[in-house]
């Protein structure tokens, strides 16, 4: 499923986005999923939970895709 997430700030951190979109329940879940290599940013595996995402970035987890607007 593809989601569109509109942000009103310059960026949002990867772990915060996963929580905001409901793809994980807690920050701890986000940390584990990111560090285990389960999350892709713009098609590449990302293990940095503080990765700054900006409009145009695409995040994938468990068959779900979030496009930052």
PDB file of N, CA and C in Angstrom:
ATOM      1  N   UNK A   1       0.846  -1.171   0.000  1.00  0.00           N
ATOM      2  CA  UNK A   1       0.000   0.000   0.000  1.00  0.00           C
ATOM      3  C   UNK A   1       0.891   1.234   0.000  1.00  0.00           C
ATOM      4  N   UNK A   2       0.479   2.269  -0.718  1.00  0.00           N
ATOM      5  CA  UNK A   2       1.268   3.498  -0.786  1.00  0.00           C
ATOM      6  C   UNK A   2       0.549   4.609  -0.033  1.00  0.00           C
ATOM      7  N   UNK A   3       1.304   5.300   0.792  1.00  0.00           N
ATOM      8  CA  UNK A   3       0.789   6.426   1.564  1.00  0.00           C
ATOM      9  C   UNK A   3       1.519   7.684   1.125  1.00  0.00           C
ATOM     10  N   UNK A   4       0.871   8.818   1.300  1.00  0.00           N
ATOM     11  CA  UNK A   4       1.518  10.110   1.060  1.00  0.00           C
ATOM     12  C   UNK A   4       1.524  10.826   2.401  1.00  0.00           C
ATOM     13  N   UNK A   5       2.690  11.322   2.783  1.00  0.00           N
ATOM     14  CA  UNK A   5       2.816  11.997   4.065  1.00  0.00           C
ATOM     15  C   UNK A   5       3.300  13.422   3.829  1.00  0.00           C
ATOM     16  N   UNK A   6       2.451  14.391   4.140  1.00  0.00           N
ATOM     17  CA  UNK A   6       2.820  15.792   3.954  1.00  0.00           C
ATOM     18  C   UNK A   6       3.444  16.311   5.243  1.00  0.00           C
ATOM     19  N   UNK A   7       4.647  16.855   5.111  1.00  0.00           N
ATOM     20  CA  UNK A   7       5.301  17.422   6.290  1.00  0.00           C
ATOM     21  C   UNK A   7       5.321  18.943   6.164  1.00  0.00           C
ATOM     22  N   UNK A   8       5.297  19.615   7.302  1.00  0.00           N
ATOM     23  CA  UNK A   8       5.277  21.074   7.297  1.00  0.00           C
ATOM     24  C   UNK A   8       6.596  21.642   7.810  1.00  0.00           C
ATOM     25  N   UNK A   9       7.552  20.762   8.064  1.00  0.00           N
ATOM     26  CA  UNK A   9       8.872  21.182   8.506  1.00  0.00           C
ATOM     27  C   UNK A   9       9.872  20.874   7.400  1.00  0.00           C
ATOM     28  N   UNK A  10      11.118  21.286   7.588  1.00  0.00           N
ATOM     29  CA  UNK A  10      12.145  21.054   6.577  1.00  0.00           C
ATOM     30  C   UNK A  10      12.384  19.565   6.354  1.00  0.00           C
ATOM     31  N   UNK A  11      12.312  18.782   7.444  1.00  0.00           N
ATOM     32  CA  UNK A  11      12.556  17.344   7.351  1.00  0.00           C
ATOM     33  C   UNK A  11      11.856  16.630   8.487  1.00  0.00           C
ATOM     34  N   UNK A  12      11.787  15.296   8.392  1.00  0.00           N
ATOM     35  CA  UNK A  12      11.314  14.442   9.477  1.00  0.00           C
ATOM     36  C   UNK A  12      12.293  13.283   9.571  1.00  0.00           C
ATOM     37  N   UNK A  13      12.603  12.866  10.795  1.00  0.00           N
ATOM     38  CA  UNK A  13      13.537  11.754  10.971  1.00  0.00           C
ATOM     39  C   UNK A  13      12.827  10.433  10.679  1.00  0.00           C
ATOM     40  N   UNK A  14      13.605   9.477  10.171  1.00  0.00           N
ATOM     41  CA  UNK A  14      13.063   8.195   9.737  1.00  0.00           C
ATOM     42  C   UNK A  14      12.269   7.499  10.836  1.00  0.00           C
ATOM     43  N   UNK A  15      12.808   7.411  12.052  1.00  0.00           N
ATOM     44  CA  UNK A  15      12.083   6.716  13.115  1.00  0.00           C
ATOM     45  C   UNK A  15      10.766   7.421  13.446  1.00  0.00           C
ATOM     46  N   UNK A  16      10.769   8.744  13.400  1.00  0.00           N
ATOM     47  CA  UNK A  16       9.544   9.510  13.668  1.00  0.00           C
ATOM     48  C   UNK A  16       8.503   9.287  12.585  1.00  0.00           C
ATOM     49  N   UNK A  17       8.940   9.202  11.336  1.00  0.00           N
ATOM     50  CA  UNK A  17       8.011   8.962  10.243  1.00  0.00           C
ATOM     51  C   UNK A  17       7.330   7.605  10.381  1.00  0.00           C
ATOM     52  N   UNK A  18       8.103   6.585  10.723  1.00  0.00           N
ATOM     53  CA  UNK A  18       7.532   5.244  10.871  1.00  0.00           C
ATOM     54  C   UNK A  18       6.460   5.228  11.958  1.00  0.00           C
ATOM     55  N   UNK A  19       6.703   5.933  13.063  1.00  0.00           N
ATOM     56  CA  UNK A  19       5.703   6.022  14.136  1.00  0.00           C
ATOM     57  C   UNK A  19       4.496   6.848  13.687  1.00  0.00           C
ATOM     58  N   UNK A  20       4.756   7.987  13.066  1.00  0.00           N
ATOM     59  CA  UNK A  20       3.696   8.894  12.620  1.00  0.00           C
ATOM     60  C   UNK A  20       2.734   8.212  11.657  1.00  0.00           C
ATOM     61  N   UNK A  21       3.273   7.406  10.754  1.00  0.00           N
ATOM     62  CA  UNK A  21       2.451   6.724   9.760  1.00  0.00           C
ATOM     63  C   UNK A  21       1.850   5.419  10.289  1.00  0.00           C
ATOM     64  N   UNK A  22       2.202   5.017  11.512  1.00  0.00           N
ATOM     65  CA  UNK A  22       1.634   3.810  12.100  1.00  0.00           C
ATOM     66  C   UNK A  22       2.244   2.522  11.578  1.00  0.00           C
ATOM     67  N   UNK A  23       3.417   2.600  10.963  1.00  0.00           N
ATOM     68  CA  UNK A  23       4.080   1.408  10.454  1.00  0.00           C
ATOM     69  C   UNK A  23       4.773   0.628  11.570  1.00  0.00           C
ATOM     70  N   UNK A  24       5.042   1.301  12.690  1.00  0.00           N
ATOM     71  CA  UNK A  24       5.552   0.663  13.908  1.00  0.00           C
ATOM     72  C   UNK A  24       4.781   1.254  15.079  1.00  0.00           C
ATOM     73  N   UNK A  25       4.769   0.535  16.199  1.00  0.00           N
ATOM     74  CA  UNK A  25       4.004   1.016  17.354  1.00  0.00           C
ATOM     75  C   UNK A  25       4.801   1.952  18.253  1.00  0.00           C
ATOM     76  N   UNK A  26       6.103   1.682  18.404  1.00  0.00           N
ATOM     77  CA  UNK A  26       6.910   2.485  19.331  1.00  0.00           C
ATOM     78  C   UNK A  26       8.240   2.875  18.691  1.00  0.00           C
ATOM     79  N   UNK A  27       8.916   3.801  19.342  1.00  0.00           N
ATOM     80  CA  UNK A  27      10.247   4.181  18.886  1.00  0.00           C
ATOM     81  C   UNK A  27      11.215   3.020  18.977  1.00  0.00           C
ATOM     82  N   UNK A  28      11.033   2.171  19.983  1.00  0.00           N
ATOM     83  CA  UNK A  28      11.882   0.991  20.128  1.00  0.00           C
ATOM     84  C   UNK A  28      11.692   0.032  18.961  1.00  0.00           C
ATOM     85  N   UNK A  29      10.441  -0.144  18.537  1.00  0.00           N
ATOM     86  CA  UNK A  29      10.167  -0.988  17.373  1.00  0.00           C
ATOM     87  C   UNK A  29      10.842  -0.405  16.129  1.00  0.00           C
ATOM     88  N   UNK A  30      10.745   0.916  15.972  1.00  0.00           N
ATOM     89  CA  UNK A  30      11.364   1.583  14.825  1.00  0.00           C
ATOM     90  C   UNK A  30      12.868   1.354  14.823  1.00  0.00           C
ATOM     91  N   UNK A  31      13.489   1.516  15.979  1.00  0.00           N
ATOM     92  CA  UNK A  31      14.944   1.334  16.099  1.00  0.00           C
ATOM     93  C   UNK A  31      15.353  -0.076  15.670  1.00  0.00           C
ATOM     94  N   UNK A  32      14.652  -1.063  16.171  1.00  0.00           N
ATOM     95  CA  UNK A  32      14.975  -2.463  15.855  1.00  0.00           C
ATOM     96  C   UNK A  32      14.794  -2.737  14.367  1.00  0.00           C
ATOM     97  N   UNK A  33      13.675  -2.314  13.812  1.00  0.00           N
ATOM     98  CA  UNK A  33      13.387  -2.586  12.401  1.00  0.00           C
ATOM     99  C   UNK A  33      14.387  -1.884  11.487  1.00  0.00           C
ATOM    100  N   UNK A  34      14.756  -0.642  11.836  1.00  0.00           N
ATOM    101  CA  UNK A  34      15.713   0.112  11.025  1.00  0.00           C
ATOM    102  C   UNK A  34      17.100  -0.522  11.117  1.00  0.00           C
ATOM    103  N   UNK A  35      17.565  -0.788  12.340  1.00  0.00           N
ATOM    104  CA  UNK A  35      18.912  -1.328  12.516  1.00  0.00           C
ATOM    105  C   UNK A  35      19.069  -2.743  11.973  1.00  0.00           C
ATOM    106  N   UNK A  36      17.970  -3.472  11.832  1.00  0.00           N
ATOM    107  CA  UNK A  36      18.063  -4.827  11.280  1.00  0.00           C
ATOM    108  C   UNK A  36      17.997  -4.823   9.754  1.00  0.00           C
ATOM    109  N   UNK A  37      17.920  -3.635   9.148  1.00  0.00           N
ATOM    110  CA  UNK A  37      17.962  -3.526   7.696  1.00  0.00           C
ATOM    111  C   UNK A  37      16.647  -3.791   6.998  1.00  0.00           C
ATOM    112  N   UNK A  38      15.534  -3.642   7.699  1.00  0.00           N
ATOM    113  CA  UNK A  38      14.219  -3.921   7.112  1.00  0.00           C
ATOM    114  C   UNK A  38      13.614  -2.721   6.376  1.00  0.00           C
ATOM    115  N   UNK A  39      14.208  -1.549   6.527  1.00  0.00           N
ATOM    116  CA  UNK A  39      13.641  -0.327   5.966  1.00  0.00           C
ATOM    117  C   UNK A  39      14.488   0.157   4.787  1.00  0.00           C
ATOM    118  N   UNK A  40      13.796   0.566   3.726  1.00  0.00           N
ATOM    119  CA  UNK A  40      14.492   1.125   2.564  1.00  0.00           C
ATOM    120  C   UNK A  40      14.096   2.588   2.406  1.00  0.00           C
ATOM    121  N   UNK A  41      15.085   3.410   2.068  1.00  0.00           N
ATOM    122  CA  UNK A  41      14.841   4.811   1.761  1.00  0.00           C
ATOM    123  C   UNK A  41      15.321   5.036   0.334  1.00  0.00           C
ATOM    124  N   UNK A  42      14.419   5.479  -0.513  1.00  0.00           N
ATOM    125  CA  UNK A  42      14.724   5.698  -1.931  1.00  0.00           C
ATOM    126  C   UNK A  42      15.334   4.459  -2.576  1.00  0.00           C
ATOM    127  N   UNK A  43      14.814   3.278  -2.205  1.00  0.00           N
ATOM    128  CA  UNK A  43      15.226   2.035  -2.821  1.00  0.00           C
ATOM    129  C   UNK A  43      16.460   1.377  -2.234  1.00  0.00           C
ATOM    130  N   UNK A  44      17.101   2.022  -1.236  1.00  0.00           N
ATOM    131  CA  UNK A  44      18.303   1.466  -0.630  1.00  0.00           C
ATOM    132  C   UNK A  44      18.072   1.211   0.859  1.00  0.00           C
ATOM    133  N   UNK A  45      18.610   0.099   1.360  1.00  0.00           N
ATOM    134  CA  UNK A  45      18.483  -0.220   2.782  1.00  0.00           C
ATOM    135  C   UNK A  45      19.115   0.893   3.603  1.00  0.00           C
ATOM    136  N   UNK A  46      18.411   1.336   4.644  1.00  0.00           N
ATOM    137  CA  UNK A  46      18.901   2.410   5.510  1.00  0.00           C
ATOM    138  C   UNK A  46      18.893   1.918   6.951  1.00  0.00           C
ATOM    139  N   UNK A  47      20.028   2.031   7.629  1.00  0.00           N
ATOM    140  CA  UNK A  47      20.129   1.607   9.023  1.00  0.00           C
ATOM    141  C   UNK A  47      20.328   2.791   9.969  1.00  0.00           C
ATOM    142  N   UNK A  48      20.113   4.007   9.482  1.00  0.00           N
ATOM    143  CA  UNK A  48      20.259   5.205  10.318  1.00  0.00           C
ATOM    144  C   UNK A  48      18.884   5.687  10.753  1.00  0.00           C
ATOM    145  N   UNK A  49      18.548   5.482  12.020  1.00  0.00           N
ATOM    146  CA  UNK A  49      17.192   5.855  12.447  1.00  0.00           C
ATOM    147  C   UNK A  49      16.979   7.356  12.481  1.00  0.00           C
ATOM    148  N   UNK A  50      18.056   8.135  12.549  1.00  0.00           N
ATOM    149  CA  UNK A  50      17.944   9.595  12.545  1.00  0.00           C
ATOM    150  C   UNK A  50      18.046  10.197  11.153  1.00  0.00           C
ATOM    151  N   UNK A  51      17.981   9.358  10.123  1.00  0.00           N
ATOM    152  CA  UNK A  51      18.081   9.824   8.733  1.00  0.00           C
ATOM    153  C   UNK A  51      17.031  10.896   8.495  1.00  0.00           C
ATOM    154  N   UNK A  52      17.461  12.039   7.966  1.00  0.00           N
ATOM    155  CA  UNK A  52      16.540  13.142   7.696  1.00  0.00           C
ATOM    156  C   UNK A  52      15.863  12.923   6.345  1.00  0.00           C
ATOM    157  N   UNK A  53      14.549  12.889   6.369  1.00  0.00           N
ATOM    158  CA  UNK A  53      13.767  12.698   5.159  1.00  0.00           C
ATOM    159  C   UNK A  53      13.148  14.022   4.746  1.00  0.00           C
ATOM    160  N   UNK A  54      13.205  14.286   3.456  1.00  0.00           N
ATOM    161  CA  UNK A  54      12.673  15.537   2.922  1.00  0.00           C
ATOM    162  C   UNK A  54      11.654  15.224   1.829  1.00  0.00           C
ATOM    163  N   UNK A  55      10.859  16.230   1.423  1.00  0.00           N
ATOM    164  CA  UNK A  55       9.887  15.989   0.350  1.00  0.00           C
ATOM    165  C   UNK A  55      10.557  15.340  -0.865  1.00  0.00           C
ATOM    166  N   UNK A  56       9.895  14.324  -1.394  1.00  0.00           N
ATOM    167  CA  UNK A  56      10.425  13.582  -2.536  1.00  0.00           C
ATOM    168  C   UNK A  56      11.028  12.247  -2.147  1.00  0.00           C
ATOM    169  N   UNK A  57      11.340  12.068  -0.857  1.00  0.00           N
ATOM    170  CA  UNK A  57      11.904  10.800  -0.397  1.00  0.00           C
ATOM    171  C   UNK A  57      10.810   9.746  -0.293  1.00  0.00           C
ATOM    172  N   UNK A  58      11.209   8.480  -0.490  1.00  0.00           N
ATOM    173  CA  UNK A  58      10.291   7.348  -0.451  1.00  0.00           C
ATOM    174  C   UNK A  58      10.827   6.331   0.559  1.00  0.00           C
ATOM    175  N   UNK A  59       9.952   5.898   1.474  1.00  0.00           N
ATOM    176  CA  UNK A  59      10.321   4.940   2.516  1.00  0.00           C
ATOM    177  C   UNK A  59       9.493   3.674   2.338  1.00  0.00           C
ATOM    178  N   UNK A  60      10.154   2.505   2.448  1.00  0.00           N
ATOM    179  CA  UNK A  60       9.459   1.225   2.286  1.00  0.00           C
ATOM    180  C   UNK A  60       9.691   0.335   3.503  1.00  0.00           C
ATOM    181  N   UNK A  61       8.607  -0.310   3.965  1.00  0.00           N
ATOM    182  CA  UNK A  61       8.670  -1.260   5.069  1.00  0.00           C
ATOM    183  C   UNK A  61       7.484  -2.208   4.956  1.00  0.00           C
ATOM    184  N   UNK A  62       7.732  -3.501   4.976  1.00  0.00           N
ATOM    185  CA  UNK A  62       6.676  -4.523   4.962  1.00  0.00           C
ATOM    186  C   UNK A  62       5.675  -4.354   3.818  1.00  0.00           C
ATOM    187  N   UNK A  63       6.159  -4.001   2.642  1.00  0.00           N
ATOM    188  CA  UNK A  63       5.267  -3.850   1.504  1.00  0.00           C
ATOM    189  C   UNK A  63       4.509  -2.530   1.478  1.00  0.00           C
ATOM    190  N   UNK A  64       4.733  -1.682   2.463  1.00  0.00           N
ATOM    191  CA  UNK A  64       4.118  -0.366   2.500  1.00  0.00           C
ATOM    192  C   UNK A  64       5.131   0.673   2.033  1.00  0.00           C
ATOM    193  N   UNK A  65       4.657   1.651   1.284  1.00  0.00           N
ATOM    194  CA  UNK A  65       5.510   2.715   0.801  1.00  0.00           C
ATOM    195  C   UNK A  65       4.937   4.059   1.249  1.00  0.00           C
ATOM    196  N   UNK A  66       5.820   4.924   1.765  1.00  0.00           N
ATOM    197  CA  UNK A  66       5.411   6.262   2.171  1.00  0.00           C
ATOM    198  C   UNK A  66       6.200   7.254   1.330  1.00  0.00           C
ATOM    199  N   UNK A  67       5.495   8.132   0.633  1.00  0.00           N
ATOM    200  CA  UNK A  67       6.124   9.177  -0.169  1.00  0.00           C
ATOM    201  C   UNK A  67       5.996  10.482   0.607  1.00  0.00           C
ATOM    202  N   UNK A  68       7.131  11.110   0.878  1.00  0.00           N
ATOM    203  CA  UNK A  68       7.132  12.380   1.615  1.00  0.00           C
ATOM    204  C   UNK A  68       6.796  13.514   0.654  1.00  0.00           C
ATOM    205  N   UNK A  69       5.838  14.325   1.041  1.00  0.00           N
ATOM    206  CA  UNK A  69       5.449  15.476   0.216  1.00  0.00           C
ATOM    207  C   UNK A  69       5.740  16.768   0.938  1.00  0.00           C
TER     208      UNK A  69
END
